[in-house]
Amino acid sequence: MIDVTRRISNTSPVWIGTDPVEYTTPVRIADGAVVNVGTITMGTHTGTHVDAPWHYIDHGIKLHEVPLETWVGQCVVVDAIGATTLEPSLLEQIDLTGVTKVLFKTGQPNDWQSFPLEWAVVDPSLPPYLAAQGISLIGTDAPSADTLTSKDLPGHAALAASGVCILESLALDGVTAGRYRLVCLPLNLEAADGAPARCILE
């Protein structure tokens, strides 16, 4: 198993305007309690996370309505280091037979010291190409399918129109391009816009 999940800590960089990560232990054995119990505060798009369609479409389905099969299955990791946009040309030489998930390794480090300002984004031509190949999920080591300051979210919109879900902020540094089985298990939050996920490649 290869863990491709970014570790979450109180120093993890987060999206501007969202709650910082705060893990505390208000109940402690050292203070006389029987057990240690922690409390976590963080945004739903902290670290490695999935986007439910409702995150970017007001009439989109919410996280608990996304089929579990969307997050688990055969995938291919694509070496996209150096690319500024994720386009169909990156997949032209790759056999996608039997693959239902595509993960793009763009060169983002596994540990961010500060939140990145630029990254490779999804070109609107990519989602319909993926859908035509039977791909139901796109993943990336970047924090978003669109730029940091995008207001119209063209990548998200194209993915929504094509029925392709999104997995973001993967830790792919050190992962060799090729075929794997992806197991991505987001928190089972009812009516949520997204959630952190523990993701492994087998």
N, C-alpha and C. Protein backbone atom coordinates (compact mmCIF):
# COMPACT_ATOMS: atom_id res chain seq x y z
N MET A 1 0.83 -1.19 0.00
CA MET A 1 0.00 0.00 0.00
C MET A 1 0.87 1.25 0.00
N ILE A 2 0.47 2.23 -0.79
CA ILE A 2 1.15 3.53 -0.82
C ILE A 2 0.18 4.58 -0.31
N ASP A 3 0.53 5.22 0.78
CA ASP A 3 -0.34 6.27 1.33
C ASP A 3 -0.15 7.55 0.52
N VAL A 4 -1.20 8.04 -0.09
CA VAL A 4 -1.11 9.26 -0.89
C VAL A 4 -1.97 10.37 -0.27
N THR A 5 -2.04 10.33 1.06
CA THR A 5 -2.81 11.31 1.82
C THR A 5 -1.88 12.29 2.51
N ARG A 6 -2.15 13.56 2.38
CA ARG A 6 -1.37 14.56 3.11
C ARG A 6 -1.70 14.50 4.60
N ARG A 7 -0.68 14.52 5.41
CA ARG A 7 -0.91 14.49 6.85
C ARG A 7 -1.47 15.84 7.31
N ILE A 8 -2.47 15.78 8.17
CA ILE A 8 -3.11 16.99 8.70
C ILE A 8 -2.58 17.27 10.09
N SER A 9 -2.18 18.52 10.31
CA SER A 9 -1.71 18.93 11.63
C SER A 9 -2.13 20.36 11.89
N ASN A 10 -1.86 20.85 13.07
CA ASN A 10 -2.22 22.22 13.42
C ASN A 10 -1.44 23.26 12.62
N THR A 11 -0.41 22.83 11.91
CA THR A 11 0.37 23.75 11.09
C THR A 11 0.08 23.59 9.60
N SER A 12 -0.88 22.75 9.24
CA SER A 12 -1.20 22.53 7.83
C SER A 12 -1.71 23.83 7.19
N PRO A 13 -1.15 24.22 6.03
CA PRO A 13 -1.68 25.39 5.32
C PRO A 13 -3.10 25.10 4.84
N VAL A 14 -3.96 26.10 4.89
CA VAL A 14 -5.35 25.91 4.47
C VAL A 14 -5.76 27.04 3.53
N TRP A 15 -6.88 26.82 2.84
CA TRP A 15 -7.42 27.84 1.94
C TRP A 15 -7.68 29.14 2.71
N ILE A 16 -7.37 30.25 2.08
CA ILE A 16 -7.65 31.56 2.67
C ILE A 16 -9.13 31.67 2.95
N GLY A 17 -9.48 32.11 4.14
CA GLY A 17 -10.88 32.29 4.51
C GLY A 17 -11.52 31.08 5.16
N THR A 18 -10.77 29.95 5.24
CA THR A 18 -11.32 28.77 5.90
C THR A 18 -10.68 28.59 7.28
N ASP A 19 -11.33 27.80 8.10
CA ASP A 19 -10.84 27.60 9.46
C ASP A 19 -9.48 26.91 9.46
N PRO A 20 -8.56 27.39 10.29
CA PRO A 20 -7.30 26.66 10.43
C PRO A 20 -7.54 25.34 11.14
N VAL A 21 -6.62 24.42 10.96
CA VAL A 21 -6.73 23.14 11.65
C VAL A 21 -6.42 23.35 13.12
N GLU A 22 -7.28 22.80 13.96
CA GLU A 22 -7.04 22.87 15.40
C GLU A 22 -7.41 21.53 16.03
N TYR A 23 -6.40 20.81 16.45
CA TYR A 23 -6.60 19.56 17.17
C TYR A 23 -6.16 19.77 18.60
N THR A 24 -7.07 19.58 19.52
CA THR A 24 -6.78 19.72 20.94
C THR A 24 -7.23 18.46 21.67
N THR A 25 -6.73 18.28 22.88
CA THR A 25 -7.15 17.14 23.70
C THR A 25 -7.71 17.69 25.03
N PRO A 26 -8.98 18.08 25.02
CA PRO A 26 -9.57 18.63 26.24
C PRO A 26 -9.77 17.59 27.34
N VAL A 27 -9.81 16.33 26.97
CA VAL A 27 -9.94 15.26 27.96
C VAL A 27 -8.65 14.45 27.93
N ARG A 28 -7.96 14.42 29.08
CA ARG A 28 -6.64 13.79 29.11
C ARG A 28 -6.48 12.89 30.34
N ILE A 29 -5.81 11.76 30.11
CA ILE A 29 -5.50 10.87 31.22
C ILE A 29 -4.62 11.59 32.24
N ALA A 30 -3.71 12.43 31.72
CA ALA A 30 -2.80 13.16 32.61
C ALA A 30 -3.53 14.10 33.56
N ASP A 31 -4.76 14.46 33.18
CA ASP A 31 -5.55 15.36 34.03
C ASP A 31 -6.56 14.60 34.89
N GLY A 32 -6.47 13.27 34.85
CA GLY A 32 -7.34 12.48 35.69
C GLY A 32 -8.46 11.76 34.97
N ALA A 33 -8.58 11.96 33.66
CA ALA A 33 -9.63 11.28 32.90
C ALA A 33 -9.24 9.81 32.67
N VAL A 34 -10.22 9.01 32.32
CA VAL A 34 -9.98 7.59 32.07
C VAL A 34 -9.31 7.38 30.71
N VAL A 35 -9.60 8.28 29.74
CA VAL A 35 -9.08 8.16 28.38
C VAL A 35 -8.64 9.54 27.88
N ASN A 36 -7.88 9.54 26.78
CA ASN A 36 -7.59 10.77 26.06
C ASN A 36 -8.62 10.92 24.94
N VAL A 37 -9.22 12.11 24.80
CA VAL A 37 -10.21 12.38 23.76
C VAL A 37 -9.87 13.71 23.11
N GLY A 38 -9.73 13.68 21.78
CA GLY A 38 -9.38 14.90 21.05
C GLY A 38 -10.58 15.56 20.41
N THR A 39 -10.40 16.83 20.06
CA THR A 39 -11.40 17.61 19.34
C THR A 39 -10.74 18.21 18.11
N ILE A 40 -11.41 18.11 16.96
CA ILE A 40 -10.85 18.62 15.71
C ILE A 40 -11.75 19.70 15.14
N THR A 41 -11.13 20.81 14.72
CA THR A 41 -11.82 21.85 13.96
C THR A 41 -11.04 22.07 12.67
N MET A 42 -11.73 21.96 11.53
CA MET A 42 -11.08 22.21 10.24
C MET A 42 -12.14 22.29 9.16
N GLY A 43 -11.76 22.85 8.02
CA GLY A 43 -12.66 22.94 6.90
C GLY A 43 -12.78 21.61 6.18
N THR A 44 -13.84 21.46 5.39
CA THR A 44 -14.07 20.21 4.67
C THR A 44 -13.09 20.01 3.53
N HIS A 45 -12.36 21.06 3.13
CA HIS A 45 -11.41 20.94 2.03
C HIS A 45 -9.97 21.07 2.52
N THR A 46 -9.74 20.54 3.71
CA THR A 46 -8.42 20.53 4.31
C THR A 46 -7.65 19.30 3.85
N GLY A 47 -6.39 19.51 3.47
CA GLY A 47 -5.55 18.39 3.08
C GLY A 47 -6.12 17.63 1.89
N THR A 48 -5.83 16.34 1.81
CA THR A 48 -6.37 15.50 0.74
C THR A 48 -7.87 15.36 0.96
N HIS A 49 -8.65 15.73 -0.07
CA HIS A 49 -10.10 15.80 0.12
C HIS A 49 -10.83 15.56 -1.19
N VAL A 50 -12.11 15.24 -1.08
CA VAL A 50 -12.96 15.10 -2.26
C VAL A 50 -13.93 16.28 -2.32
N ASP A 51 -14.32 16.60 -3.55
CA ASP A 51 -15.37 17.60 -3.77
C ASP A 51 -16.65 16.87 -4.14
N ALA A 52 -17.72 17.13 -3.42
CA ALA A 52 -19.03 16.70 -3.88
C ALA A 52 -19.52 17.73 -4.90
N PRO A 53 -20.33 17.33 -5.89
CA PRO A 53 -20.81 18.29 -6.88
C PRO A 53 -21.48 19.53 -6.27
N TRP A 54 -22.09 19.38 -5.10
CA TRP A 54 -22.74 20.53 -4.46
C TRP A 54 -21.74 21.62 -4.08
N HIS A 55 -20.47 21.27 -4.00
CA HIS A 55 -19.43 22.25 -3.68
C HIS A 55 -19.37 23.36 -4.73
N TYR A 56 -19.60 22.99 -5.98
CA TYR A 56 -19.44 23.97 -7.06
C TYR A 56 -20.69 24.13 -7.93
N ILE A 57 -21.77 23.38 -7.62
CA ILE A 57 -23.06 23.56 -8.30
C ILE A 57 -24.14 23.55 -7.23
N ASP A 58 -24.94 24.58 -7.16
CA ASP A 58 -25.90 24.69 -6.07
C ASP A 58 -26.98 23.61 -6.13
N HIS A 59 -27.21 23.04 -7.31
CA HIS A 59 -28.19 21.96 -7.42
C HIS A 59 -27.51 20.59 -7.50
N GLY A 60 -26.20 20.56 -7.30
CA GLY A 60 -25.47 19.30 -7.39
C GLY A 60 -25.73 18.39 -6.20
N ILE A 61 -25.42 17.11 -6.38
CA ILE A 61 -25.64 16.17 -5.28
C ILE A 61 -24.61 16.40 -4.18
N LYS A 62 -24.99 16.04 -2.97
CA LYS A 62 -24.13 16.22 -1.80
C LYS A 62 -23.33 14.95 -1.53
N LEU A 63 -22.39 15.05 -0.63
CA LEU A 63 -21.39 14.00 -0.48
C LEU A 63 -22.00 12.63 -0.22
N HIS A 64 -22.98 12.54 0.65
CA HIS A 64 -23.54 11.23 0.99
C HIS A 64 -24.31 10.61 -0.18
N GLU A 65 -24.59 11.42 -1.21
CA GLU A 65 -25.32 10.92 -2.37
C GLU A 65 -24.39 10.42 -3.48
N VAL A 66 -23.09 10.66 -3.34
CA VAL A 66 -22.13 10.19 -4.34
C VAL A 66 -21.89 8.70 -4.14
N PRO A 67 -22.06 7.86 -5.16
CA PRO A 67 -21.86 6.42 -4.99
C PRO A 67 -20.44 6.12 -4.50
N LEU A 68 -20.33 5.17 -3.59
CA LEU A 68 -19.03 4.81 -3.04
C LEU A 68 -18.08 4.32 -4.12
N GLU A 69 -18.64 3.71 -5.16
CA GLU A 69 -17.81 3.20 -6.26
C GLU A 69 -17.03 4.31 -6.96
N THR A 70 -17.51 5.54 -6.82
CA THR A 70 -16.80 6.67 -7.43
C THR A 70 -15.39 6.80 -6.89
N TRP A 71 -15.20 6.46 -5.64
CA TRP A 71 -13.94 6.72 -4.96
C TRP A 71 -12.98 5.54 -4.96
N VAL A 72 -13.43 4.37 -5.40
CA VAL A 72 -12.60 3.16 -5.32
C VAL A 72 -12.57 2.48 -6.68
N GLY A 73 -11.38 2.06 -7.12
CA GLY A 73 -11.32 1.31 -8.38
C GLY A 73 -9.97 1.43 -9.06
N GLN A 74 -9.90 0.89 -10.26
CA GLN A 74 -8.65 0.89 -11.01
C GLN A 74 -8.32 2.31 -11.48
N CYS A 75 -7.07 2.68 -11.31
CA CYS A 75 -6.66 4.04 -11.68
C CYS A 75 -5.31 4.01 -12.38
N VAL A 76 -4.99 5.12 -13.00
CA VAL A 76 -3.66 5.31 -13.57
C VAL A 76 -3.12 6.63 -13.06
N VAL A 77 -1.87 6.62 -12.61
CA VAL A 77 -1.17 7.84 -12.21
C VAL A 77 -0.40 8.34 -13.42
N VAL A 78 -0.65 9.59 -13.79
CA VAL A 78 -0.06 10.18 -14.98
C VAL A 78 1.02 11.19 -14.56
N ASP A 79 2.19 11.07 -15.14
CA ASP A 79 3.26 12.04 -14.88
C ASP A 79 2.98 13.29 -15.70
N ALA A 80 2.55 14.35 -15.00
CA ALA A 80 2.24 15.62 -15.65
C ALA A 80 3.14 16.73 -15.13
N ILE A 81 4.31 16.35 -14.62
CA ILE A 81 5.24 17.35 -14.08
C ILE A 81 5.68 18.30 -15.20
N GLY A 82 5.59 19.57 -14.93
CA GLY A 82 5.94 20.58 -15.92
C GLY A 82 4.76 21.13 -16.68
N ALA A 83 3.63 20.44 -16.62
CA ALA A 83 2.43 20.92 -17.31
C ALA A 83 1.80 22.07 -16.52
N THR A 84 1.28 23.04 -17.23
CA THR A 84 0.55 24.14 -16.58
C THR A 84 -0.95 23.92 -16.65
N THR A 85 -1.38 23.11 -17.63
CA THR A 85 -2.79 22.73 -17.73
C THR A 85 -2.87 21.23 -17.96
N LEU A 86 -3.94 20.64 -17.46
CA LEU A 86 -4.16 19.20 -17.62
C LEU A 86 -5.08 19.01 -18.80
N GLU A 87 -4.54 18.46 -19.89
CA GLU A 87 -5.23 18.35 -21.16
C GLU A 87 -5.26 16.91 -21.66
N PRO A 88 -6.14 16.60 -22.64
CA PRO A 88 -6.20 15.25 -23.18
C PRO A 88 -4.88 14.75 -23.75
N SER A 89 -4.03 15.65 -24.23
CA SER A 89 -2.76 15.23 -24.82
C SER A 89 -1.88 14.47 -23.84
N LEU A 90 -2.06 14.70 -22.55
CA LEU A 90 -1.28 13.99 -21.54
C LEU A 90 -1.64 12.51 -21.46
N LEU A 91 -2.79 12.15 -22.03
CA LEU A 91 -3.28 10.78 -21.94
C LEU A 91 -3.23 10.03 -23.27
N GLU A 92 -2.79 10.70 -24.31
CA GLU A 92 -2.87 10.11 -25.65
C GLU A 92 -2.07 8.82 -25.78
N GLN A 93 -0.98 8.67 -25.05
CA GLN A 93 -0.15 7.48 -25.15
C GLN A 93 -0.41 6.48 -24.02
N ILE A 94 -1.48 6.68 -23.27
CA ILE A 94 -1.76 5.84 -22.11
C ILE A 94 -2.98 4.95 -22.38
N ASP A 95 -2.85 3.67 -22.11
CA ASP A 95 -3.95 2.73 -22.26
C ASP A 95 -4.89 2.86 -21.06
N LEU A 96 -6.10 3.31 -21.30
CA LEU A 96 -7.07 3.52 -20.23
C LEU A 96 -8.08 2.37 -20.13
N THR A 97 -7.82 1.27 -20.80
CA THR A 97 -8.72 0.13 -20.76
C THR A 97 -8.88 -0.37 -19.32
N GLY A 98 -10.11 -0.44 -18.85
CA GLY A 98 -10.39 -0.93 -17.50
C GLY A 98 -10.16 0.08 -16.40
N VAL A 99 -9.70 1.28 -16.76
CA VAL A 99 -9.41 2.32 -15.77
C VAL A 99 -10.63 3.21 -15.59
N THR A 100 -10.96 3.55 -14.34
CA THR A 100 -12.09 4.45 -14.07
C THR A 100 -11.68 5.71 -13.32
N LYS A 101 -10.40 5.79 -12.93
CA LYS A 101 -9.89 6.97 -12.22
C LYS A 101 -8.55 7.37 -12.83
N VAL A 102 -8.32 8.67 -12.95
CA VAL A 102 -7.05 9.17 -13.46
C VAL A 102 -6.51 10.18 -12.45
N LEU A 103 -5.26 9.96 -12.01
CA LEU A 103 -4.61 10.84 -11.04
C LEU A 103 -3.42 11.52 -11.72
N PHE A 104 -3.34 12.84 -11.59
CA PHE A 104 -2.27 13.60 -12.22
C PHE A 104 -1.24 14.02 -11.18
N LYS A 105 -0.01 13.58 -11.44
CA LYS A 105 1.13 13.98 -10.61
C LYS A 105 1.78 15.18 -11.28
N THR A 106 1.59 16.37 -10.69
CA THR A 106 2.06 17.59 -11.34
C THR A 106 3.32 18.16 -10.72
N GLY A 107 3.80 17.55 -9.64
CA GLY A 107 5.04 18.01 -9.03
C GLY A 107 4.87 18.76 -7.72
N GLN A 108 3.65 18.83 -7.21
CA GLN A 108 3.46 19.47 -5.91
C GLN A 108 4.11 18.61 -4.82
N PRO A 109 4.81 19.24 -3.88
CA PRO A 109 5.43 18.46 -2.80
C PRO A 109 4.38 17.86 -1.87
N ASN A 110 4.73 16.79 -1.20
CA ASN A 110 3.79 16.16 -0.28
C ASN A 110 3.51 16.99 0.96
N ASP A 111 4.46 17.84 1.33
CA ASP A 111 4.29 18.69 2.51
C ASP A 111 4.43 20.15 2.11
N TRP A 112 3.35 20.91 2.22
CA TRP A 112 3.38 22.33 1.92
C TRP A 112 3.79 23.11 3.17
N GLN A 113 4.79 23.96 3.03
CA GLN A 113 5.17 24.85 4.12
C GLN A 113 4.24 26.06 4.17
N SER A 114 3.72 26.43 3.01
CA SER A 114 2.71 27.48 2.90
C SER A 114 1.77 27.09 1.78
N PHE A 115 0.59 27.67 1.77
CA PHE A 115 -0.39 27.28 0.76
C PHE A 115 0.10 27.75 -0.61
N PRO A 116 0.10 26.84 -1.61
CA PRO A 116 0.62 27.23 -2.93
C PRO A 116 -0.25 28.31 -3.58
N LEU A 117 0.36 29.09 -4.46
CA LEU A 117 -0.34 30.16 -5.16
C LEU A 117 -0.63 29.80 -6.61
N GLU A 118 0.16 28.88 -7.18
CA GLU A 118 -0.03 28.47 -8.56
C GLU A 118 0.11 26.95 -8.68
N TRP A 119 -0.61 26.38 -9.64
CA TRP A 119 -0.55 24.94 -9.88
C TRP A 119 -1.17 24.63 -11.24
N ALA A 120 -1.00 23.41 -11.70
CA ALA A 120 -1.59 22.98 -12.97
C ALA A 120 -3.10 22.83 -12.79
N VAL A 121 -3.85 23.40 -13.73
CA VAL A 121 -5.31 23.38 -13.62
C VAL A 121 -5.92 22.54 -14.74
N VAL A 122 -7.18 22.18 -14.57
CA VAL A 122 -7.89 21.35 -15.54
C VAL A 122 -8.34 22.20 -16.72
N ASP A 123 -7.92 21.82 -17.93
CA ASP A 123 -8.41 22.47 -19.13
C ASP A 123 -9.84 21.97 -19.39
N PRO A 124 -10.75 22.86 -19.78
CA PRO A 124 -12.15 22.43 -20.01
C PRO A 124 -12.31 21.34 -21.06
N SER A 125 -11.28 21.12 -21.88
CA SER A 125 -11.37 20.04 -22.88
C SER A 125 -11.14 18.66 -22.27
N LEU A 126 -10.57 18.60 -21.08
CA LEU A 126 -10.23 17.32 -20.47
C LEU A 126 -11.44 16.52 -19.97
N PRO A 127 -12.37 17.13 -19.22
CA PRO A 127 -13.48 16.34 -18.67
C PRO A 127 -14.31 15.57 -19.70
N PRO A 128 -14.72 16.17 -20.83
CA PRO A 128 -15.48 15.36 -21.79
C PRO A 128 -14.65 14.21 -22.37
N TYR A 129 -13.35 14.42 -22.52
CA TYR A 129 -12.47 13.35 -22.98
C TYR A 129 -12.45 12.21 -21.96
N LEU A 130 -12.33 12.57 -20.67
CA LEU A 130 -12.32 11.55 -19.63
C LEU A 130 -13.64 10.77 -19.60
N ALA A 131 -14.75 11.50 -19.68
CA ALA A 131 -16.06 10.86 -19.63
C ALA A 131 -16.22 9.88 -20.79
N ALA A 132 -15.71 10.25 -21.95
CA ALA A 132 -15.82 9.38 -23.13
C ALA A 132 -15.01 8.09 -22.95
N GLN A 133 -14.02 8.14 -22.06
CA GLN A 133 -13.19 6.96 -21.79
C GLN A 133 -13.72 6.15 -20.60
N GLY A 134 -14.85 6.58 -20.04
CA GLY A 134 -15.43 5.88 -18.90
C GLY A 134 -14.79 6.24 -17.57
N ILE A 135 -14.14 7.41 -17.51
CA ILE A 135 -13.49 7.85 -16.27
C ILE A 135 -14.49 8.61 -15.41
N SER A 136 -14.62 8.21 -14.15
CA SER A 136 -15.59 8.84 -13.24
C SER A 136 -14.95 9.74 -12.20
N LEU A 137 -13.60 9.71 -12.10
CA LEU A 137 -12.92 10.49 -11.06
C LEU A 137 -11.59 10.99 -11.59
N ILE A 138 -11.31 12.25 -11.33
CA ILE A 138 -9.99 12.82 -11.60
C ILE A 138 -9.37 13.22 -10.26
N GLY A 139 -8.08 12.91 -10.11
CA GLY A 139 -7.36 13.32 -8.91
C GLY A 139 -6.14 14.12 -9.28
N THR A 140 -5.71 14.98 -8.38
CA THR A 140 -4.54 15.81 -8.62
C THR A 140 -3.84 16.11 -7.31
N ASP A 141 -2.53 16.36 -7.39
CA ASP A 141 -1.79 16.75 -6.19
C ASP A 141 -1.93 18.24 -5.92
N ALA A 142 -2.61 18.96 -6.80
CA ALA A 142 -2.88 20.38 -6.60
C ALA A 142 -4.09 20.57 -5.69
N PRO A 143 -4.22 21.76 -5.08
CA PRO A 143 -5.34 21.97 -4.16
C PRO A 143 -6.68 22.21 -4.84
N SER A 144 -6.67 22.42 -6.17
CA SER A 144 -7.92 22.70 -6.87
C SER A 144 -7.78 22.39 -8.35
N ALA A 145 -8.92 22.18 -9.00
CA ALA A 145 -8.94 22.00 -10.45
C ALA A 145 -8.85 23.32 -11.19
N ASP A 146 -9.00 24.43 -10.47
CA ASP A 146 -8.93 25.77 -11.05
C ASP A 146 -7.91 26.62 -10.31
N THR A 147 -7.66 27.81 -10.82
CA THR A 147 -6.66 28.68 -10.22
C THR A 147 -7.13 29.20 -8.86
N LEU A 148 -6.19 29.73 -8.11
CA LEU A 148 -6.48 30.22 -6.76
C LEU A 148 -7.54 31.31 -6.77
N THR A 149 -7.53 32.17 -7.79
CA THR A 149 -8.42 33.34 -7.80
C THR A 149 -9.60 33.20 -8.76
N SER A 150 -9.78 32.02 -9.34
CA SER A 150 -10.86 31.84 -10.32
C SER A 150 -12.22 32.08 -9.69
N LYS A 151 -13.07 32.80 -10.41
CA LYS A 151 -14.44 33.06 -9.96
C LYS A 151 -15.46 32.20 -10.71
N ASP A 152 -15.16 31.86 -11.97
CA ASP A 152 -16.12 31.08 -12.75
C ASP A 152 -15.82 29.59 -12.76
N LEU A 153 -14.67 29.18 -12.24
CA LEU A 153 -14.31 27.77 -12.07
C LEU A 153 -14.57 26.94 -13.33
N PRO A 154 -13.89 27.26 -14.44
CA PRO A 154 -14.15 26.54 -15.68
C PRO A 154 -13.82 25.06 -15.61
N GLY A 155 -12.77 24.69 -14.87
CA GLY A 155 -12.42 23.29 -14.73
C GLY A 155 -13.50 22.52 -13.97
N HIS A 156 -13.94 23.08 -12.85
CA HIS A 156 -15.00 22.45 -12.07
C HIS A 156 -16.29 22.34 -12.89
N ALA A 157 -16.62 23.40 -13.61
CA ALA A 157 -17.85 23.40 -14.39
C ALA A 157 -17.82 22.32 -15.47
N ALA A 158 -16.67 22.18 -16.14
CA ALA A 158 -16.55 21.17 -17.18
C ALA A 158 -16.60 19.76 -16.59
N LEU A 159 -16.01 19.57 -15.43
CA LEU A 159 -16.07 18.27 -14.77
C LEU A 159 -17.50 17.94 -14.36
N ALA A 160 -18.22 18.93 -13.86
CA ALA A 160 -19.62 18.72 -13.48
C ALA A 160 -20.46 18.33 -14.69
N ALA A 161 -20.26 19.03 -15.79
CA ALA A 161 -21.03 18.77 -17.00
C ALA A 161 -20.76 17.37 -17.54
N SER A 162 -19.56 16.85 -17.26
CA SER A 162 -19.18 15.54 -17.77
C SER A 162 -19.41 14.42 -16.76
N GLY A 163 -19.86 14.77 -15.56
CA GLY A 163 -20.12 13.76 -14.54
C GLY A 163 -18.88 13.14 -13.96
N VAL A 164 -17.79 13.93 -13.89
CA VAL A 164 -16.52 13.44 -13.33
C VAL A 164 -16.29 14.09 -11.98
N CYS A 165 -16.13 13.29 -10.93
CA CYS A 165 -15.91 13.83 -9.60
C CYS A 165 -14.43 14.17 -9.39
N ILE A 166 -14.16 14.87 -8.28
CA ILE A 166 -12.84 15.46 -8.08
C ILE A 166 -12.23 15.04 -6.74
N LEU A 167 -10.94 14.68 -6.80
CA LEU A 167 -10.12 14.37 -5.63
C LEU A 167 -8.91 15.28 -5.69
N GLU A 168 -8.67 16.07 -4.64
CA GLU A 168 -7.63 17.10 -4.70
C GLU A 168 -6.63 16.97 -3.55
N SER A 169 -5.47 17.59 -3.77
CA SER A 169 -4.40 17.67 -2.77
C SER A 169 -3.84 16.29 -2.38
N LEU A 170 -3.70 15.43 -3.38
CA LEU A 170 -3.06 14.14 -3.14
C LEU A 170 -1.57 14.32 -2.86
N ALA A 171 -0.97 13.36 -2.20
CA ALA A 171 0.47 13.35 -1.95
C ALA A 171 1.10 12.34 -2.90
N LEU A 172 1.47 12.79 -4.08
CA LEU A 172 1.95 11.89 -5.13
C LEU A 172 3.45 11.97 -5.37
N ASP A 173 4.14 12.83 -4.64
CA ASP A 173 5.59 12.93 -4.79
C ASP A 173 6.21 11.58 -4.41
N GLY A 174 6.96 11.00 -5.33
CA GLY A 174 7.57 9.70 -5.07
C GLY A 174 6.79 8.53 -5.63
N VAL A 175 5.57 8.78 -6.11
CA VAL A 175 4.76 7.72 -6.70
C VAL A 175 5.12 7.58 -8.18
N THR A 176 5.41 6.38 -8.61
CA THR A 176 5.76 6.12 -10.00
C THR A 176 4.51 6.09 -10.86
N ALA A 177 4.58 6.72 -12.02
CA ALA A 177 3.45 6.69 -12.95
C ALA A 177 3.12 5.24 -13.31
N GLY A 178 1.84 4.95 -13.46
CA GLY A 178 1.44 3.59 -13.80
C GLY A 178 0.07 3.26 -13.24
N ARG A 179 -0.27 1.97 -13.28
CA ARG A 179 -1.59 1.51 -12.86
C ARG A 179 -1.60 1.07 -11.40
N TYR A 180 -2.68 1.39 -10.72
CA TYR A 180 -2.87 1.03 -9.33
C TYR A 180 -4.37 0.80 -9.08
N ARG A 181 -4.68 0.31 -7.90
CA ARG A 181 -6.06 0.34 -7.41
C ARG A 181 -6.15 1.44 -6.37
N LEU A 182 -7.06 2.38 -6.59
CA LEU A 182 -7.26 3.49 -5.67
C LEU A 182 -8.32 3.14 -4.65
N VAL A 183 -8.00 3.38 -3.39
CA VAL A 183 -8.99 3.30 -2.32
C VAL A 183 -9.01 4.67 -1.66
N CYS A 184 -10.10 5.39 -1.86
CA CYS A 184 -10.25 6.75 -1.35
C CYS A 184 -11.52 6.80 -0.52
N LEU A 185 -11.40 6.99 0.77
CA LEU A 185 -12.56 6.93 1.66
C LEU A 185 -12.76 8.27 2.37
N PRO A 186 -13.64 9.12 1.80
CA PRO A 186 -13.95 10.38 2.47
C PRO A 186 -14.81 10.13 3.71
N LEU A 187 -14.75 11.06 4.65
CA LEU A 187 -15.64 10.97 5.81
C LEU A 187 -17.09 10.94 5.33
N ASN A 188 -17.90 10.13 5.97
CA ASN A 188 -19.29 9.96 5.56
C ASN A 188 -20.15 11.06 6.19
N LEU A 189 -19.96 12.28 5.69
CA LEU A 189 -20.67 13.44 6.21
C LEU A 189 -21.98 13.64 5.44
N GLU A 190 -23.06 13.72 6.15
CA GLU A 190 -24.35 13.91 5.49
C GLU A 190 -24.50 15.35 4.99
N ALA A 191 -24.98 15.48 3.76
CA ALA A 191 -25.32 16.77 3.15
C ALA A 191 -24.11 17.71 3.06
N ALA A 192 -22.92 17.14 2.90
CA ALA A 192 -21.71 17.97 2.90
C ALA A 192 -21.27 18.32 1.48
N ASP A 193 -20.44 19.38 1.39
CA ASP A 193 -19.89 19.84 0.11
C ASP A 193 -18.61 19.10 -0.26
N GLY A 194 -18.08 18.35 0.68
CA GLY A 194 -16.83 17.61 0.47
C GLY A 194 -16.35 17.13 1.83
N ALA A 195 -15.19 16.47 1.81
CA ALA A 195 -14.66 15.96 3.08
C ALA A 195 -13.22 15.51 2.90
N PRO A 196 -12.42 15.61 3.97
CA PRO A 196 -11.10 14.99 3.94
C PRO A 196 -11.23 13.49 3.69
N ALA A 197 -10.21 12.91 3.06
CA ALA A 197 -10.25 11.49 2.70
C ALA A 197 -8.91 10.84 2.99
N ARG A 198 -8.95 9.58 3.38
CA ARG A 198 -7.72 8.79 3.48
C ARG A 198 -7.61 8.00 2.19
N CYS A 199 -6.52 8.19 1.49
CA CYS A 199 -6.36 7.59 0.16
C CYS A 199 -5.09 6.75 0.09
N ILE A 200 -5.24 5.55 -0.47
CA ILE A 200 -4.07 4.70 -0.69
C ILE A 200 -4.10 4.17 -2.12
N LEU A 201 -2.93 3.83 -2.61
CA LEU A 201 -2.80 3.13 -3.88
C LEU A 201 -2.27 1.73 -3.58
N GLU A 202 -2.89 0.74 -4.22
CA GLU A 202 -2.43 -0.63 -4.08
C GLU A 202 -1.84 -1.08 -5.41
